[in-house]
Amino acid sequence: MSEYEEEETSPGKTILIGIAFLVGSAFLFWYFWDFEHSDQESIRMQWILALAYKIGGKWLISGIGGLIGAFLVFSGIKEYRAENS
């Protein structure tokens, strides 16, 4: 039987994932802004996104992703500085 060993992610990967979250959040904000300013009456989306949109609008959805992205970028930079100090 082998033991499960968790691989540590590099700071560069963490920063890139954080940037991806930030870009994704910006895209979702634009997507919902465009929907609000169009003549469409409805769009198809995942139920969790629909629920979050109904509760807090485009700001809640993009804000959560933006906070996660900012946290990951900050964590990656902090790890990078710790490794290279």
Foldseek 3Di string as FASTA:
>chain_A
DDDDDDDDDALVVLLVVLVVLLVVLVVLLVVQVVVVPDPDPDDDDDPVVVVQCVVPNSCRSSVVSNVSSVVSNVVSVVRVVVVVD
